[in-house]
Amino acid sequence: MGLMKIALLAGTHSNCGKTTLTLALLQYFRQTKRDIIAFKADPDFLDPLWHQAVTGSPSYNLDTRMMGAETCRAQLY
């Protein structure tokens, strides 16, 4: 397994720019030829579609309420 780098983006409230910043970073990483995988925490079905449109790869959900902590951990690693 190679070196894994993880970034977590969070905000103080809805509509504070989390999705916009995430999409900008994902696009930057893709343009710089980095292997990236996007994740979303909470039952949101639109953001993962945006992630996939930018990265060309599926985006995954990490919602512990819906999936449980163990399943989320397995999804991440």
PDB file of N, CA and C in Angstrom:
ATOM      1  N   MET A   1       0.839  -1.177   0.000  1.00  0.00           N
ATOM      2  CA  MET A   1       0.000   0.000   0.000  1.00  0.00           C
ATOM      3  C   MET A   1       0.881   1.236   0.000  1.00  0.00           C
ATOM      4  N   GLY A   2       0.582   2.188  -0.880  1.00  0.00           N
ATOM      5  CA  GLY A   2       1.366   3.405  -0.981  1.00  0.00           C
ATOM      6  C   GLY A   2       1.015   4.400   0.100  1.00  0.00           C
ATOM      7  N   LEU A   3       1.696   5.508   0.055  1.00  0.00           N
ATOM      8  CA  LEU A   3       1.457   6.578   1.008  1.00  0.00           C
ATOM      9  C   LEU A   3       0.073   7.171   0.792  1.00  0.00           C
ATOM     10  N   MET A   4      -0.718   7.254   1.848  1.00  0.00           N
ATOM     11  CA  MET A   4      -2.066   7.802   1.753  1.00  0.00           C
ATOM     12  C   MET A   4      -2.079   9.181   2.399  1.00  0.00           C
ATOM     13  N   LYS A   5      -2.604  10.134   1.690  1.00  0.00           N
ATOM     14  CA  LYS A   5      -2.767  11.478   2.230  1.00  0.00           C
ATOM     15  C   LYS A   5      -4.254  11.786   2.231  1.00  0.00           C
ATOM     16  N   ILE A   6      -4.729  12.299   3.335  1.00  0.00           N
ATOM     17  CA  ILE A   6      -6.153  12.563   3.490  1.00  0.00           C
ATOM     18  C   ILE A   6      -6.347  14.023   3.865  1.00  0.00           C
ATOM     19  N   ALA A   7      -7.335  14.647   3.259  1.00  0.00           N
ATOM     20  CA  ALA A   7      -7.729  16.007   3.631  1.00  0.00           C
ATOM     21  C   ALA A   7      -9.206  15.990   3.986  1.00  0.00           C
ATOM     22  N   LEU A   8      -9.566  16.693   5.000  1.00  0.00           N
ATOM     23  CA  LEU A   8     -10.956  16.818   5.426  1.00  0.00           C
ATOM     24  C   LEU A   8     -11.338  18.286   5.350  1.00  0.00           C
ATOM     25  N   LEU A   9     -12.380  18.570   4.597  1.00  0.00           N
ATOM     26  CA  LEU A   9     -12.893  19.940   4.513  1.00  0.00           C
ATOM     27  C   LEU A   9     -14.201  20.003   5.275  1.00  0.00           C
ATOM     28  N   ALA A  10     -14.343  20.996   6.130  1.00  0.00           N
ATOM     29  CA  ALA A  10     -15.563  21.163   6.923  1.00  0.00           C
ATOM     30  C   ALA A  10     -15.924  22.641   6.956  1.00  0.00           C
ATOM     31  N   GLY A  11     -17.149  22.916   7.289  1.00  0.00           N
ATOM     32  CA  GLY A  11     -17.600  24.295   7.388  1.00  0.00           C
ATOM     33  C   GLY A  11     -18.470  24.482   8.610  1.00  0.00           C
ATOM     34  N   THR A  12     -18.727  25.723   8.919  1.00  0.00           N
ATOM     35  CA  THR A  12     -19.507  26.036  10.114  1.00  0.00           C
ATOM     36  C   THR A  12     -21.012  25.971   9.888  1.00  0.00           C
ATOM     37  N   HIS A  13     -21.430  25.997   8.604  1.00  0.00           N
ATOM     38  CA  HIS A  13     -22.861  25.984   8.315  1.00  0.00           C
ATOM     39  C   HIS A  13     -23.083  25.668   6.835  1.00  0.00           C
ATOM     40  N   SER A  14     -24.319  25.437   6.473  1.00  0.00           N
ATOM     41  CA  SER A  14     -24.667  25.199   5.075  1.00  0.00           C
ATOM     42  C   SER A  14     -24.381  26.447   4.246  1.00  0.00           C
ATOM     43  N   ASN A  15     -24.107  26.229   2.974  1.00  0.00           N
ATOM     44  CA  ASN A  15     -23.878  27.324   2.027  1.00  0.00           C
ATOM     45  C   ASN A  15     -22.678  28.194   2.367  1.00  0.00           C
ATOM     46  N   CYS A  16     -21.649  27.605   3.004  1.00  0.00           N
ATOM     47  CA  CYS A  16     -20.449  28.387   3.311  1.00  0.00           C
ATOM     48  C   CYS A  16     -19.328  28.124   2.305  1.00  0.00           C
ATOM     49  N   GLY A  17     -19.583  27.294   1.284  1.00  0.00           N
ATOM     50  CA  GLY A  17     -18.600  27.111   0.221  1.00  0.00           C
ATOM     51  C   GLY A  17     -17.840  25.801   0.232  1.00  0.00           C
ATOM     52  N   LYS A  18     -18.254  24.850   1.056  1.00  0.00           N
ATOM     53  CA  LYS A  18     -17.540  23.560   1.137  1.00  0.00           C
ATOM     54  C   LYS A  18     -17.504  22.846  -0.206  1.00  0.00           C
ATOM     55  N   THR A  19     -18.620  22.762  -0.875  1.00  0.00           N
ATOM     56  CA  THR A  19     -18.682  22.050  -2.150  1.00  0.00           C
ATOM     57  C   THR A  19     -17.858  22.764  -3.205  1.00  0.00           C
ATOM     58  N   THR A  20     -17.955  24.071  -3.273  1.00  0.00           N
ATOM     59  CA  THR A  20     -17.190  24.837  -4.256  1.00  0.00           C
ATOM     60  C   THR A  20     -15.693  24.646  -4.057  1.00  0.00           C
ATOM     61  N   LEU A  21     -15.231  24.757  -2.819  1.00  0.00           N
ATOM     62  CA  LEU A  21     -13.809  24.571  -2.521  1.00  0.00           C
ATOM     63  C   LEU A  21     -13.373  23.134  -2.826  1.00  0.00           C
ATOM     64  N   THR A  22     -14.202  22.172  -2.451  1.00  0.00           N
ATOM     65  CA  THR A  22     -13.882  20.770  -2.726  1.00  0.00           C
ATOM     66  C   THR A  22     -13.732  20.524  -4.218  1.00  0.00           C
ATOM     67  N   LEU A  23     -14.667  21.028  -5.009  1.00  0.00           N
ATOM     68  CA  LEU A  23     -14.600  20.820  -6.458  1.00  0.00           C
ATOM     69  C   LEU A  23     -13.374  21.493  -7.060  1.00  0.00           C
ATOM     70  N   ALA A  24     -13.025  22.672  -6.572  1.00  0.00           N
ATOM     71  CA  ALA A  24     -11.826  23.358  -7.067  1.00  0.00           C
ATOM     72  C   ALA A  24     -10.574  22.541  -6.748  1.00  0.00           C
ATOM     73  N   LEU A  25     -10.482  22.017  -5.531  1.00  0.00           N
ATOM     74  CA  LEU A  25      -9.324  21.196  -5.163  1.00  0.00           C
ATOM     75  C   LEU A  25      -9.271  19.899  -5.966  1.00  0.00           C
ATOM     76  N   LEU A  26     -10.420  19.244  -6.130  1.00  0.00           N
ATOM     77  CA  LEU A  26     -10.444  18.006  -6.911  1.00  0.00           C
ATOM     78  C   LEU A  26     -10.002  18.264  -8.348  1.00  0.00           C
ATOM     79  N   GLN A  27     -10.459  19.357  -8.926  1.00  0.00           N
ATOM     80  CA  GLN A  27     -10.058  19.692 -10.292  1.00  0.00           C
ATOM     81  C   GLN A  27      -8.566  19.978 -10.365  1.00  0.00           C
ATOM     82  N   TYR A  28      -8.037  20.700  -9.403  1.00  0.00           N
ATOM     83  CA  TYR A  28      -6.600  20.976  -9.365  1.00  0.00           C
ATOM     84  C   TYR A  28      -5.795  19.681  -9.284  1.00  0.00           C
ATOM     85  N   PHE A  29      -6.178  18.801  -8.373  1.00  0.00           N
ATOM     86  CA  PHE A  29      -5.457  17.543  -8.218  1.00  0.00           C
ATOM     87  C   PHE A  29      -5.526  16.697  -9.482  1.00  0.00           C
ATOM     88  N   ARG A  30      -6.664  16.697 -10.139  1.00  0.00           N
ATOM     89  CA  ARG A  30      -6.779  15.924 -11.386  1.00  0.00           C
ATOM     90  C   ARG A  30      -5.898  16.541 -12.472  1.00  0.00           C
ATOM     91  N   GLN A  31      -5.887  17.852 -12.575  1.00  0.00           N
ATOM     92  CA  GLN A  31      -5.073  18.522 -13.588  1.00  0.00           C
ATOM     93  C   GLN A  31      -3.579  18.320 -13.347  1.00  0.00           C
ATOM     94  N   THR A  32      -3.188  18.120 -12.104  1.00  0.00           N
ATOM     95  CA  THR A  32      -1.777  17.883 -11.790  1.00  0.00           C
ATOM     96  C   THR A  32      -1.446  16.390 -11.781  1.00  0.00           C
ATOM     97  N   LYS A  33      -2.357  15.595 -12.362  1.00  0.00           N
ATOM     98  CA  LYS A  33      -2.149  14.158 -12.581  1.00  0.00           C
ATOM     99  C   LYS A  33      -1.978  13.360 -11.289  1.00  0.00           C
ATOM    100  N   ARG A  34      -2.655  13.777 -10.249  1.00  0.00           N
ATOM    101  CA  ARG A  34      -2.611  13.018  -8.994  1.00  0.00           C
ATOM    102  C   ARG A  34      -3.783  12.051  -8.946  1.00  0.00           C
ATOM    103  N   ASP A  35      -3.555  10.900  -8.353  1.00  0.00           N
ATOM    104  CA  ASP A  35      -4.637   9.936  -8.144  1.00  0.00           C
ATOM    105  C   ASP A  35      -5.456  10.402  -6.947  1.00  0.00           C
ATOM    106  N   ILE A  36      -6.734  10.640  -7.173  1.00  0.00           N
ATOM    107  CA  ILE A  36      -7.586  11.140  -6.100  1.00  0.00           C
ATOM    108  C   ILE A  36      -8.878  10.336  -6.025  1.00  0.00           C
ATOM    109  N   ILE A  37      -9.389  10.248  -4.825  1.00  0.00           N
ATOM    110  CA  ILE A  37     -10.691   9.641  -4.578  1.00  0.00           C
ATOM    111  C   ILE A  37     -11.457  10.593  -3.676  1.00  0.00           C
ATOM    112  N   ALA A  38     -12.678  10.902  -4.052  1.00  0.00           N
ATOM    113  CA  ALA A  38     -13.493  11.824  -3.262  1.00  0.00           C
ATOM    114  C   ALA A  38     -14.479  11.046  -2.397  1.00  0.00           C
ATOM    115  N   PHE A  39     -14.746  11.596  -1.224  1.00  0.00           N
ATOM    116  CA  PHE A  39     -15.699  11.026  -0.286  1.00  0.00           C
ATOM    117  C   PHE A  39     -16.639  12.136   0.180  1.00  0.00           C
ATOM    118  N   LYS A  40     -17.816  11.742   0.605  1.00  0.00           N
ATOM    119  CA  LYS A  40     -18.813  12.679   1.124  1.00  0.00           C
ATOM    120  C   LYS A  40     -19.382  12.110   2.408  1.00  0.00           C
ATOM    121  N   ALA A  41     -19.488  12.947   3.429  1.00  0.00           N
ATOM    122  CA  ALA A  41     -20.068  12.506   4.695  1.00  0.00           C
ATOM    123  C   ALA A  41     -21.419  13.175   4.883  1.00  0.00           C
ATOM    124  N   ASP A  42     -22.424  12.450   4.843  1.00  0.00           N
ATOM    125  CA  ASP A  42     -23.833  12.739   5.110  1.00  0.00           C
ATOM    126  C   ASP A  42     -24.647  12.258   3.915  1.00  0.00           C
ATOM    127  N   PRO A  43     -25.919  12.101   4.097  1.00  0.00           N
ATOM    128  CA  PRO A  43     -26.738  11.543   3.004  1.00  0.00           C
ATOM    129  C   PRO A  43     -27.032  12.578   1.917  1.00  0.00           C
ATOM    130  N   ASP A  44     -26.018  12.929   1.166  1.00  0.00           N
ATOM    131  CA  ASP A  44     -26.137  13.886   0.074  1.00  0.00           C
ATOM    132  C   ASP A  44     -25.888  13.136  -1.219  1.00  0.00           C
ATOM    133  N   PHE A  45     -26.791  13.259  -2.173  1.00  0.00           N
ATOM    134  CA  PHE A  45     -26.646  12.508  -3.412  1.00  0.00           C
ATOM    135  C   PHE A  45     -26.181  13.384  -4.570  1.00  0.00           C
ATOM    136  N   LEU A  46     -26.207  14.704  -4.410  1.00  0.00           N
ATOM    137  CA  LEU A  46     -25.793  15.584  -5.490  1.00  0.00           C
ATOM    138  C   LEU A  46     -24.274  15.793  -5.511  1.00  0.00           C
ATOM    139  N   ASP A  47     -23.681  16.078  -4.360  1.00  0.00           N
ATOM    140  CA  ASP A  47     -22.239  16.328  -4.317  1.00  0.00           C
ATOM    141  C   ASP A  47     -21.416  15.186  -4.903  1.00  0.00           C
ATOM    142  N   PRO A  48     -21.715  13.921  -4.597  1.00  0.00           N
ATOM    143  CA  PRO A  48     -20.939  12.846  -5.214  1.00  0.00           C
ATOM    144  C   PRO A  48     -21.005  12.849  -6.741  1.00  0.00           C
ATOM    145  N   LEU A  49     -22.123  13.282  -7.295  1.00  0.00           N
ATOM    146  CA  LEU A  49     -22.217  13.386  -8.757  1.00  0.00           C
ATOM    147  C   LEU A  49     -21.286  14.475  -9.274  1.00  0.00           C
ATOM    148  N   TRP A  50     -21.201  15.594  -8.560  1.00  0.00           N
ATOM    149  CA  TRP A  50     -20.263  16.653  -8.926  1.00  0.00           C
ATOM    150  C   TRP A  50     -18.831  16.157  -8.803  1.00  0.00           C
ATOM    151  N   HIS A  51     -18.534  15.450  -7.713  1.00  0.00           N
ATOM    152  CA  HIS A  51     -17.184  14.900  -7.523  1.00  0.00           C
ATOM    153  C   HIS A  51     -16.802  14.021  -8.709  1.00  0.00           C
ATOM    154  N   GLN A  52     -17.716  13.137  -9.094  1.00  0.00           N
ATOM    155  CA  GLN A  52     -17.440  12.213 -10.198  1.00  0.00           C
ATOM    156  C   GLN A  52     -17.271  12.967 -11.518  1.00  0.00           C
ATOM    157  N   ALA A  53     -18.050  14.001 -11.722  1.00  0.00           N
ATOM    158  CA  ALA A  53     -17.930  14.779 -12.958  1.00  0.00           C
ATOM    159  C   ALA A  53     -16.551  15.441 -13.063  1.00  0.00           C
ATOM    160  N   VAL A  54     -16.016  15.877 -11.941  1.00  0.00           N
ATOM    161  CA  VAL A  54     -14.715  16.560 -11.937  1.00  0.00           C
ATOM    162  C   VAL A  54     -13.559  15.569 -11.994  1.00  0.00           C
ATOM    163  N   THR A  55     -13.661  14.477 -11.237  1.00  0.00           N
ATOM    164  CA  THR A  55     -12.530  13.548 -11.145  1.00  0.00           C
ATOM    165  C   THR A  55     -12.551  12.445 -12.195  1.00  0.00           C
ATOM    166  N   GLY A  56     -13.730  12.144 -12.732  1.00  0.00           N
ATOM    167  CA  GLY A  56     -13.848  11.017 -13.655  1.00  0.00           C
ATOM    168  C   GLY A  56     -13.891   9.680 -12.940  1.00  0.00           C
ATOM    169  N   SER A  57     -13.983   9.710 -11.606  1.00  0.00           N
ATOM    170  CA  SER A  57     -14.025   8.493 -10.780  1.00  0.00           C
ATOM    171  C   SER A  57     -15.200   8.582  -9.810  1.00  0.00           C
ATOM    172  N   PRO A  58     -15.681   7.431  -9.354  1.00  0.00           N
ATOM    173  CA  PRO A  58     -16.787   7.458  -8.383  1.00  0.00           C
ATOM    174  C   PRO A  58     -16.401   8.184  -7.095  1.00  0.00           C
ATOM    175  N   SER A  59     -17.392   8.766  -6.448  1.00  0.00           N
ATOM    176  CA  SER A  59     -17.237   9.369  -5.128  1.00  0.00           C
ATOM    177  C   SER A  59     -17.955   8.455  -4.142  1.00  0.00           C
ATOM    178  N   TYR A  60     -17.437   8.349  -2.946  1.00  0.00           N
ATOM    179  CA  TYR A  60     -17.961   7.401  -1.971  1.00  0.00           C
ATOM    180  C   TYR A  60     -18.519   8.113  -0.755  1.00  0.00           C
ATOM    181  N   ASN A  61     -19.528   7.503  -0.132  1.00  0.00           N
ATOM    182  CA  ASN A  61     -20.153   8.059   1.054  1.00  0.00           C
ATOM    183  C   ASN A  61     -19.497   7.489   2.305  1.00  0.00           C
ATOM    184  N   LEU A  62     -19.293   8.341   3.292  1.00  0.00           N
ATOM    185  CA  LEU A  62     -18.757   7.917   4.591  1.00  0.00           C
ATOM    186  C   LEU A  62     -19.675   8.427   5.699  1.00  0.00           C
ATOM    187  N   ASP A  63     -20.894   7.946   5.725  1.00  0.00           N
ATOM    188  CA  ASP A  63     -21.866   8.376   6.718  1.00  0.00           C
ATOM    189  C   ASP A  63     -22.003   7.299   7.789  1.00  0.00           C
ATOM    190  N   THR A  64     -21.472   7.553   8.982  1.00  0.00           N
ATOM    191  CA  THR A  64     -21.477   6.538  10.040  1.00  0.00           C
ATOM    192  C   THR A  64     -22.889   6.212  10.522  1.00  0.00           C
ATOM    193  N   ARG A  65     -23.808   7.137  10.411  1.00  0.00           N
ATOM    194  CA  ARG A  65     -25.192   6.850  10.832  1.00  0.00           C
ATOM    195  C   ARG A  65     -25.866   5.866   9.887  1.00  0.00           C
ATOM    196  N   MET A  66     -25.581   5.991   8.612  1.00  0.00           N
ATOM    197  CA  MET A  66     -26.211   5.107   7.633  1.00  0.00           C
ATOM    198  C   MET A  66     -25.437   3.799   7.455  1.00  0.00           C
ATOM    199  N   MET A  67     -24.117   3.857   7.568  1.00  0.00           N
ATOM    200  CA  MET A  67     -23.279   2.712   7.217  1.00  0.00           C
ATOM    201  C   MET A  67     -22.587   2.063   8.402  1.00  0.00           C
ATOM    202  N   GLY A  68     -22.454   2.786   9.497  1.00  0.00           N
ATOM    203  CA  GLY A  68     -21.693   2.286  10.635  1.00  0.00           C
ATOM    204  C   GLY A  68     -20.222   2.645  10.487  1.00  0.00           C
ATOM    205  N   ALA A  69     -19.553   2.773  11.616  1.00  0.00           N
ATOM    206  CA  ALA A  69     -18.149   3.191  11.619  1.00  0.00           C
ATOM    207  C   ALA A  69     -17.240   2.188  10.929  1.00  0.00           C
ATOM    208  N   GLU A  70     -17.461   0.903  11.161  1.00  0.00           N
ATOM    209  CA  GLU A  70     -16.592  -0.118  10.559  1.00  0.00           C
ATOM    210  C   GLU A  70     -16.680  -0.117   9.035  1.00  0.00           C
ATOM    211  N   THR A  71     -17.882   0.003   8.493  1.00  0.00           N
ATOM    212  CA  THR A  71     -18.045   0.039   7.054  1.00  0.00           C
ATOM    213  C   THR A  71     -17.388   1.281   6.462  1.00  0.00           C
ATOM    214  N   CYS A  72     -17.536   2.420   7.144  1.00  0.00           N
ATOM    215  CA  CYS A  72     -16.887   3.654   6.671  1.00  0.00           C
ATOM    216  C   CYS A  72     -15.365   3.508   6.704  1.00  0.00           C
ATOM    217  N   ARG A  73     -14.848   2.932   7.758  1.00  0.00           N
ATOM    218  CA  ARG A  73     -13.400   2.727   7.870  1.00  0.00           C
ATOM    219  C   ARG A  73     -12.898   1.834   6.745  1.00  0.00           C
ATOM    220  N   ALA A  74     -13.634   0.755   6.472  1.00  0.00           N
ATOM    221  CA  ALA A  74     -13.240  -0.154   5.398  1.00  0.00           C
ATOM    222  C   ALA A  74     -13.309   0.541   4.037  1.00  0.00           C
ATOM    223  N   GLN A  75     -14.290   1.408   3.847  1.00  0.00           N
ATOM    224  CA  GLN A  75     -14.438   2.154   2.596  1.00  0.00           C
ATOM    225  C   GLN A  75     -13.259   3.108   2.400  1.00  0.00           C
ATOM    226  N   LEU A  76     -12.823   3.737   3.469  1.00  0.00           N
ATOM    227  CA  LEU A  76     -11.742   4.719   3.406  1.00  0.00           C
ATOM    228  C   LEU A  76     -10.392   4.063   3.179  1.00  0.00           C
ATOM    229  N   TYR A  77     -10.143   2.949   3.837  1.00  0.00           N
ATOM    230  CA  TYR A  77      -8.840   2.305   3.739  1.00  0.00           C
ATOM    231  C   TYR A  77      -8.902   1.107   2.824  1.00  0.00           C
TER     232      TYR A  77
END
